[in-house]
Amino acid sequence: MTRPATRAAFHDLAPAPESFRDAVLAGLGGRPKAIPCRFLYDAQGSALFEAISALPEYYLTRTEIGILEANAARIAQALGPHCQLIEFGSGSSRKVRILLEALIDPESYIAIDIAREALKEATATLAAAFPAIPVVAICADYTDPRHLPSLLLRGEGRRVGFFPGSTLGNFTRSESVHFLNGARAFLEPEGAMLIGVDLKKDKARLEAAYDDAAGVTAEFTLNLLTRINRELEGDFDLRRFAHEAFYNEAEGRIEIYLQSLADQIVTVAGRRIAFAKGERIHAEYSYKYGLDQFPRLALEAGFQVNQCWTDPERLFGVFLLGNIGHH
């Protein structure tokens, strides 16, 4: 039966906005200096990231899309009919369209993201494209799913979490276990989790993906300083800082920094901050996992890997997780 077309329902449960000023001053006052990676994504940062995802070196986005397209029918079969699809950190919702087109009579699609306007725009577009599927947008911090409102999501269908884009890689291993554990509790015993994970591969290929020849990734990272200048009366000279990205094999992660090219003093929100030549601001981690390694991480959080789909080169994996003891 075709349901009547509806607009996306919107629920604003966002916490009070974290002060960019407080986070930046605390981060630049620390040792080592660090600013949380979520602050990279202002409007300009988000636009630059979209550009990065189309670069030849940045295999992640197109590879994951390829896996989803090649296996959509099998994924839909594994998830079963009438599922409630819940996307954590929905962003532009490009990948979820592939699933929504393949799913068997899905009960609803729920998008959870902290970026209010982008969330509204993406879910309005999806509601128009899939008029038979109720679309719900929840503006909230998805990183601790235990605090998400279960009452808004009541329904008969199996809950399926969707977490694409290798976003899990931005979490440390302990943060990943904490997130997955919370997601497992939120999705209930019969629930499942479909998650995109970037796999370990040769160092050169990984480093090229995060330090492209055209310099778009460098522009993306340096945009954080532009944002500080604009919003916090900063006086960073971007010519005196450089984007630095490398693969730390021992830790299994890409590390991204802004490195000071000189001894200098920068003012931010009226505070003077000294930088030594070579000193770094940590901007982001991106953890990579082996095909045998990620299942062990999932197990720590009470999940088992029920199925895994990869591309022919095994660059990227899409894992279907189920609660231990449930199939």
Protein backbone atom coordinates (compact mmCIF):
# COMPACT_ATOMS: atom_id res chain seq x y z
CA MET A 1 0.00 0.00 0.00
CA THR A 2 1.35 3.42 -0.91
CA ARG A 3 1.47 5.79 2.01
CA PRO A 4 0.50 9.43 1.44
CA ALA A 5 3.41 11.75 0.71
CA THR A 6 4.57 13.74 3.72
CA ARG A 7 7.26 16.25 4.46
CA ALA A 8 10.14 15.13 6.64
CA ALA A 9 9.24 15.41 10.32
CA PHE A 10 11.84 17.44 12.22
CA HIS A 11 12.81 17.14 15.89
CA ASP A 12 15.36 19.56 17.31
CA LEU A 13 17.12 17.88 20.22
CA ALA A 14 20.52 19.47 19.73
CA PRO A 15 22.43 20.24 22.90
CA ALA A 16 23.34 23.86 23.56
CA PRO A 17 25.98 24.64 20.94
CA GLU A 18 29.47 23.99 22.18
CA SER A 19 31.37 27.23 22.23
CA PHE A 20 33.81 27.30 19.31
CA ARG A 21 35.75 29.95 21.21
CA ASP A 22 36.07 27.85 24.38
CA ALA A 23 37.08 24.71 22.45
CA VAL A 24 39.69 26.54 20.38
CA LEU A 25 41.24 28.39 23.32
CA ALA A 26 41.34 25.21 25.42
CA GLY A 27 42.81 23.25 22.50
CA LEU A 28 45.47 25.83 21.65
CA GLY A 29 46.35 26.17 25.34
CA GLY A 30 46.96 22.43 25.69
CA ARG A 31 50.10 20.38 25.16
CA PRO A 32 50.12 19.17 22.49
CA LYS A 33 47.85 21.70 20.78
CA ALA A 34 44.67 20.18 19.30
CA ILE A 35 41.28 21.29 17.98
CA PRO A 36 38.41 18.75 17.65
CA CYS A 37 37.93 17.63 14.04
CA ARG A 38 34.20 18.47 14.05
CA PHE A 39 35.14 22.16 13.78
CA LEU A 40 36.62 21.54 10.32
CA TYR A 41 33.08 21.37 8.92
CA ASP A 42 31.77 24.92 8.68
CA ALA A 43 29.99 25.76 5.38
CA GLN A 44 33.28 26.22 3.51
CA GLY A 45 34.83 23.14 5.13
CA SER A 46 31.83 21.01 4.14
CA ALA A 47 32.03 22.29 0.54
CA LEU A 48 35.76 21.51 0.43
CA PHE A 49 35.13 18.01 1.78
CA GLU A 50 32.63 17.40 -1.02
CA ALA A 51 35.40 18.43 -3.45
CA ILE A 52 37.86 16.08 -1.71
CA SER A 53 35.44 13.15 -2.11
CA ALA A 54 35.62 13.57 -5.91
CA LEU A 55 39.45 13.68 -6.11
CA PRO A 56 41.24 10.82 -7.91
CA GLU A 57 43.39 10.07 -4.83
CA TYR A 58 40.41 9.95 -2.47
CA TYR A 59 39.17 6.42 -3.14
CA LEU A 60 36.95 6.15 -0.05
CA THR A 61 33.67 7.73 -1.22
CA ARG A 62 33.47 6.20 -4.70
CA THR A 63 34.62 2.80 -3.43
CA GLU A 64 31.96 2.65 -0.72
CA ILE A 65 29.28 3.82 -3.18
CA GLY A 66 30.44 1.11 -5.59
CA ILE A 67 30.14 -1.56 -2.87
CA LEU A 68 26.64 -0.39 -1.93
CA GLU A 69 25.49 -0.28 -5.55
CA ALA A 70 26.93 -3.71 -6.38
CA ASN A 71 25.42 -5.35 -3.31
CA ALA A 72 22.24 -3.34 -2.64
CA ALA A 73 19.88 -6.25 -3.33
CA ARG A 74 21.90 -8.63 -1.12
CA ILE A 75 22.08 -6.04 1.66
CA ALA A 76 18.31 -5.47 1.44
CA GLN A 77 17.73 -9.23 1.64
CA ALA A 78 19.99 -9.49 4.70
CA LEU A 79 18.18 -6.62 6.45
CA GLY A 80 14.73 -8.02 5.66
CA PRO A 81 11.40 -6.28 5.00
CA HIS A 82 9.88 -3.37 6.94
CA CYS A 83 13.10 -2.21 8.59
CA GLN A 84 13.51 1.14 10.25
CA LEU A 85 16.70 2.65 8.79
CA ILE A 86 18.51 5.00 11.18
CA GLU A 87 21.50 6.91 9.83
CA PHE A 88 24.02 8.28 12.33
CA GLY A 89 25.59 11.50 11.03
CA SER A 90 23.58 11.62 7.83
CA GLY A 91 25.45 14.45 6.06
CA SER A 92 24.34 14.81 2.45
CA SER A 93 22.48 11.43 2.51
CA ARG A 94 23.92 10.39 -0.87
CA LYS A 95 24.66 6.82 0.12
CA VAL A 96 21.37 6.16 1.88
CA ARG A 97 19.48 6.68 -1.40
CA ILE A 98 21.07 3.48 -2.71
CA LEU A 99 19.70 1.57 0.29
CA LEU A 100 16.26 3.20 0.24
CA GLU A 101 15.84 2.25 -3.42
CA ALA A 102 16.73 -1.39 -2.63
CA LEU A 103 15.08 -1.99 0.76
CA ILE A 104 11.94 -4.13 0.88
CA ASP A 105 9.04 -1.91 2.00
CA PRO A 106 11.05 0.02 4.64
CA GLU A 107 8.99 1.31 7.54
CA SER A 108 10.83 4.62 7.87
CA TYR A 109 14.10 6.49 7.48
CA ILE A 110 15.47 8.44 10.44
CA ALA A 111 18.42 10.78 9.93
CA ILE A 112 20.39 11.95 12.97
CA ASP A 113 22.89 14.78 12.63
CA ILE A 114 24.07 17.81 14.57
CA ALA A 115 24.23 20.11 11.49
CA ARG A 116 20.68 21.51 11.61
CA GLU A 117 20.34 23.24 8.23
CA ALA A 118 22.16 20.56 6.22
CA LEU A 119 19.99 17.92 7.91
CA LYS A 120 16.76 19.77 7.06
CA GLU A 121 17.82 20.22 3.45
CA ALA A 122 18.94 16.60 2.94
CA THR A 123 15.84 15.06 4.53
CA ALA A 124 13.46 17.38 2.64
CA THR A 125 15.08 16.21 -0.61
CA LEU A 126 14.80 12.56 0.43
CA ALA A 127 11.17 12.93 1.52
CA ALA A 128 10.36 14.32 -1.93
CA ALA A 129 12.30 11.53 -3.67
CA PHE A 130 10.73 8.74 -1.56
CA PRO A 131 7.16 9.88 -0.84
CA ALA A 132 6.10 6.40 0.29
CA ILE A 133 8.69 6.29 3.09
CA PRO A 134 8.14 8.37 6.25
CA VAL A 135 11.27 10.49 6.77
CA VAL A 136 12.23 11.81 10.21
CA ALA A 137 15.08 14.23 10.93
CA ILE A 138 16.50 14.41 14.44
CA CYS A 139 18.97 17.19 15.15
CA ALA A 140 21.08 15.67 17.92
CA ASP A 141 24.55 14.47 18.84
CA TYR A 142 24.65 10.92 17.49
CA THR A 143 28.02 10.02 19.02
CA ASP A 144 26.40 8.68 22.19
CA PRO A 145 23.28 6.87 20.96
CA ARG A 146 22.19 5.97 24.50
CA HIS A 147 20.89 9.52 24.84
CA LEU A 148 18.79 9.44 21.67
CA PRO A 149 15.00 9.50 22.09
CA SER A 150 13.71 5.94 21.63
CA LEU A 151 10.11 7.10 21.92
CA LEU A 152 10.35 8.99 18.62
CA LEU A 153 11.40 5.81 16.87
CA ARG A 154 8.75 3.35 18.01
CA GLY A 155 7.65 1.04 15.24
CA GLU A 156 7.16 -2.59 14.32
CA GLY A 157 10.17 -2.93 12.04
CA ARG A 158 13.69 -4.06 12.85
CA ARG A 159 15.97 -1.15 13.62
CA VAL A 160 19.02 -0.92 11.37
CA GLY A 161 21.75 1.61 12.06
CA PHE A 162 23.65 2.98 9.05
CA PHE A 163 27.07 4.56 9.60
CA PRO A 164 28.86 4.99 6.26
CA GLY A 165 31.88 6.98 5.16
CA SER A 166 34.46 5.39 7.48
CA THR A 167 33.47 8.09 10.01
CA LEU A 168 34.18 5.53 12.74
CA GLY A 169 37.85 6.04 11.85
CA ASN A 170 37.75 9.52 13.39
CA PHE A 171 37.11 7.94 16.79
CA THR A 172 39.89 6.41 18.86
CA ARG A 173 39.51 2.69 19.44
CA SER A 174 38.00 3.19 22.90
CA GLU A 175 35.62 5.85 21.52
CA SER A 176 34.66 3.42 18.72
CA VAL A 177 33.77 0.71 21.23
CA HIS A 178 31.79 3.24 23.29
CA PHE A 179 29.85 4.41 20.20
CA LEU A 180 29.14 0.89 18.93
CA ASN A 181 28.09 -0.26 22.39
CA GLY A 182 25.63 2.65 22.61
CA ALA A 183 24.34 1.96 19.09
CA ARG A 184 23.80 -1.72 19.95
CA ALA A 185 21.71 -0.82 23.01
CA PHE A 186 19.76 1.79 21.04
CA LEU A 187 19.01 -0.57 18.13
CA GLU A 188 17.60 -3.19 20.54
CA PRO A 189 18.41 -6.93 20.53
CA GLU A 190 17.03 -7.70 17.06
CA GLY A 191 18.66 -4.62 15.52
CA ALA A 192 21.58 -4.53 13.12
CA MET A 193 24.29 -2.09 12.11
CA LEU A 194 25.58 -1.47 8.57
CA ILE A 195 28.90 0.29 8.80
CA GLY A 196 31.55 1.48 6.33
CA VAL A 197 35.17 0.88 7.34
CA ASP A 198 38.34 1.94 5.53
CA LEU A 199 40.73 -1.00 5.37
CA LYS A 200 44.49 -1.08 5.92
CA LYS A 201 46.52 -0.79 2.71
CA ASP A 202 49.88 0.48 1.50
CA LYS A 203 51.18 3.65 3.09
CA ALA A 204 51.61 5.56 -0.20
CA ARG A 205 47.99 5.09 -1.21
CA LEU A 206 46.71 6.11 2.20
CA GLU A 207 48.88 9.22 2.41
CA ALA A 208 47.93 10.35 -1.12
CA ALA A 209 44.24 10.21 -0.12
CA TYR A 210 44.85 12.70 2.70
CA ASP A 211 47.43 14.92 0.98
CA ASP A 212 46.30 15.21 -2.65
CA ALA A 213 48.42 16.66 -5.44
CA ALA A 214 45.98 19.53 -6.09
CA GLY A 215 46.17 20.68 -2.46
CA VAL A 216 42.41 20.53 -1.77
CA THR A 217 42.90 18.60 1.48
CA ALA A 218 45.48 21.16 2.60
CA GLU A 219 42.97 23.92 1.86
CA PHE A 220 40.34 22.00 3.87
CA THR A 221 42.59 21.75 6.94
CA LEU A 222 43.85 25.34 6.68
CA ASN A 223 40.24 26.52 6.45
CA LEU A 224 40.08 25.83 10.20
CA LEU A 225 42.48 28.76 10.70
CA THR A 226 40.43 30.91 8.32
CA ARG A 227 37.37 30.11 10.42
CA ILE A 228 39.21 31.08 13.63
CA ASN A 229 40.29 34.36 12.01
CA ARG A 230 36.73 35.13 10.92
CA GLU A 231 34.79 34.03 14.01
CA LEU A 232 37.29 34.61 16.83
CA GLU A 233 39.21 37.68 15.66
CA GLY A 234 42.27 35.54 15.00
CA ASP A 235 45.31 36.76 13.10
CA PHE A 236 46.70 33.44 11.77
CA ASP A 237 48.88 33.99 8.69
CA LEU A 238 48.00 30.92 6.60
CA ARG A 239 51.30 31.21 4.73
CA ARG A 240 53.08 30.39 7.98
CA PHE A 241 51.26 27.10 8.56
CA ALA A 242 51.24 23.90 6.52
CA HIS A 243 48.92 20.90 6.25
CA GLU A 244 50.70 17.70 7.31
CA ALA A 245 49.24 14.20 6.88
CA PHE A 246 50.98 10.86 7.32
CA TYR A 247 50.19 7.24 8.10
CA ASN A 248 51.32 6.06 11.53
CA GLU A 249 51.71 2.33 10.87
CA ALA A 250 52.23 1.42 14.54
CA GLU A 251 48.88 2.98 15.49
CA GLY A 252 47.10 2.08 12.22
CA ARG A 253 45.92 5.63 11.60
CA ILE A 254 46.31 8.67 9.40
CA GLU A 255 47.31 11.70 11.48
CA ILE A 256 46.52 15.22 10.28
CA TYR A 257 48.12 18.36 11.66
CA LEU A 258 48.63 22.05 10.98
CA GLN A 259 52.34 22.71 11.42
CA SER A 260 53.85 26.06 12.28
CA LEU A 261 56.57 27.02 9.76
CA ALA A 262 58.18 29.61 12.08
CA ASP A 263 58.47 30.75 15.66
CA GLN A 264 55.48 33.06 15.94
CA ILE A 265 52.80 34.52 18.18
CA VAL A 266 49.17 34.41 17.10
CA THR A 267 46.27 36.24 18.74
CA VAL A 268 42.89 34.48 19.09
CA ALA A 269 39.93 36.10 20.89
CA GLY A 270 42.33 38.53 22.52
CA ARG A 271 44.67 35.81 23.80
CA ARG A 272 48.30 35.56 22.61
CA ILE A 273 49.41 32.04 21.71
CA ALA A 274 53.05 31.18 21.04
CA PHE A 275 54.08 28.64 18.41
CA ALA A 276 57.57 27.20 18.02
CA LYS A 277 58.79 26.41 14.52
CA GLY A 278 57.65 22.86 13.73
CA GLU A 279 55.00 22.82 16.46
CA ARG A 280 51.72 21.23 15.41
CA ILE A 281 48.00 21.61 15.99
CA HIS A 282 46.39 18.16 15.87
CA ALA A 283 43.30 18.29 13.60
CA GLU A 284 42.19 14.72 12.92
CA TYR A 285 42.85 10.99 13.19
CA SER A 286 41.54 8.45 10.70
CA TYR A 287 41.94 4.87 11.91
CA LYS A 288 42.19 2.01 9.42
CA TYR A 289 41.30 -1.59 10.18
CA GLY A 290 42.30 -5.00 8.84
CA LEU A 291 39.53 -7.34 7.65
CA ASP A 292 40.35 -9.56 10.63
CA GLN A 293 40.81 -6.63 13.02
CA PHE A 294 37.47 -4.83 12.75
CA PRO A 295 35.41 -7.91 13.79
CA ARG A 296 37.45 -8.02 17.03
CA LEU A 297 36.64 -4.36 17.71
CA ALA A 298 32.94 -5.04 17.04
CA LEU A 299 33.05 -8.01 19.40
CA GLU A 300 34.30 -5.76 22.21
CA ALA A 301 31.10 -3.74 21.75
CA GLY A 302 28.83 -6.80 21.80
CA PHE A 303 28.42 -7.09 18.02
CA GLN A 304 29.28 -9.93 15.67
CA VAL A 305 29.98 -9.57 11.95
CA ASN A 306 27.19 -11.35 10.09
CA GLN A 307 28.32 -10.34 6.59
CA CYS A 308 30.98 -8.21 4.91
CA TRP A 309 31.10 -6.77 1.39
CA THR A 310 34.27 -5.33 -0.15
CA ASP A 311 35.46 -3.99 -3.50
CA PRO A 312 37.71 -6.14 -5.75
CA GLU A 313 40.87 -4.45 -4.41
CA ARG A 314 39.76 -4.77 -0.79
CA LEU A 315 40.27 -1.09 -0.17
CA PHE A 316 37.07 -0.66 1.84
CA GLY A 317 34.59 -2.85 3.71
CA VAL A 318 30.86 -2.57 4.43
CA PHE A 319 30.10 -4.72 7.48
CA LEU A 320 26.71 -5.94 8.67
CA LEU A 321 26.81 -6.29 12.45
CA GLY A 322 24.29 -8.10 14.59
CA ASN A 323 23.85 -8.38 18.32
CA ILE A 324 25.76 -11.38 19.67
CA GLY A 325 23.29 -14.25 19.93
CA HIS A 326 20.84 -12.78 17.38
CA HIS A 327 20.85 -13.46 13.63
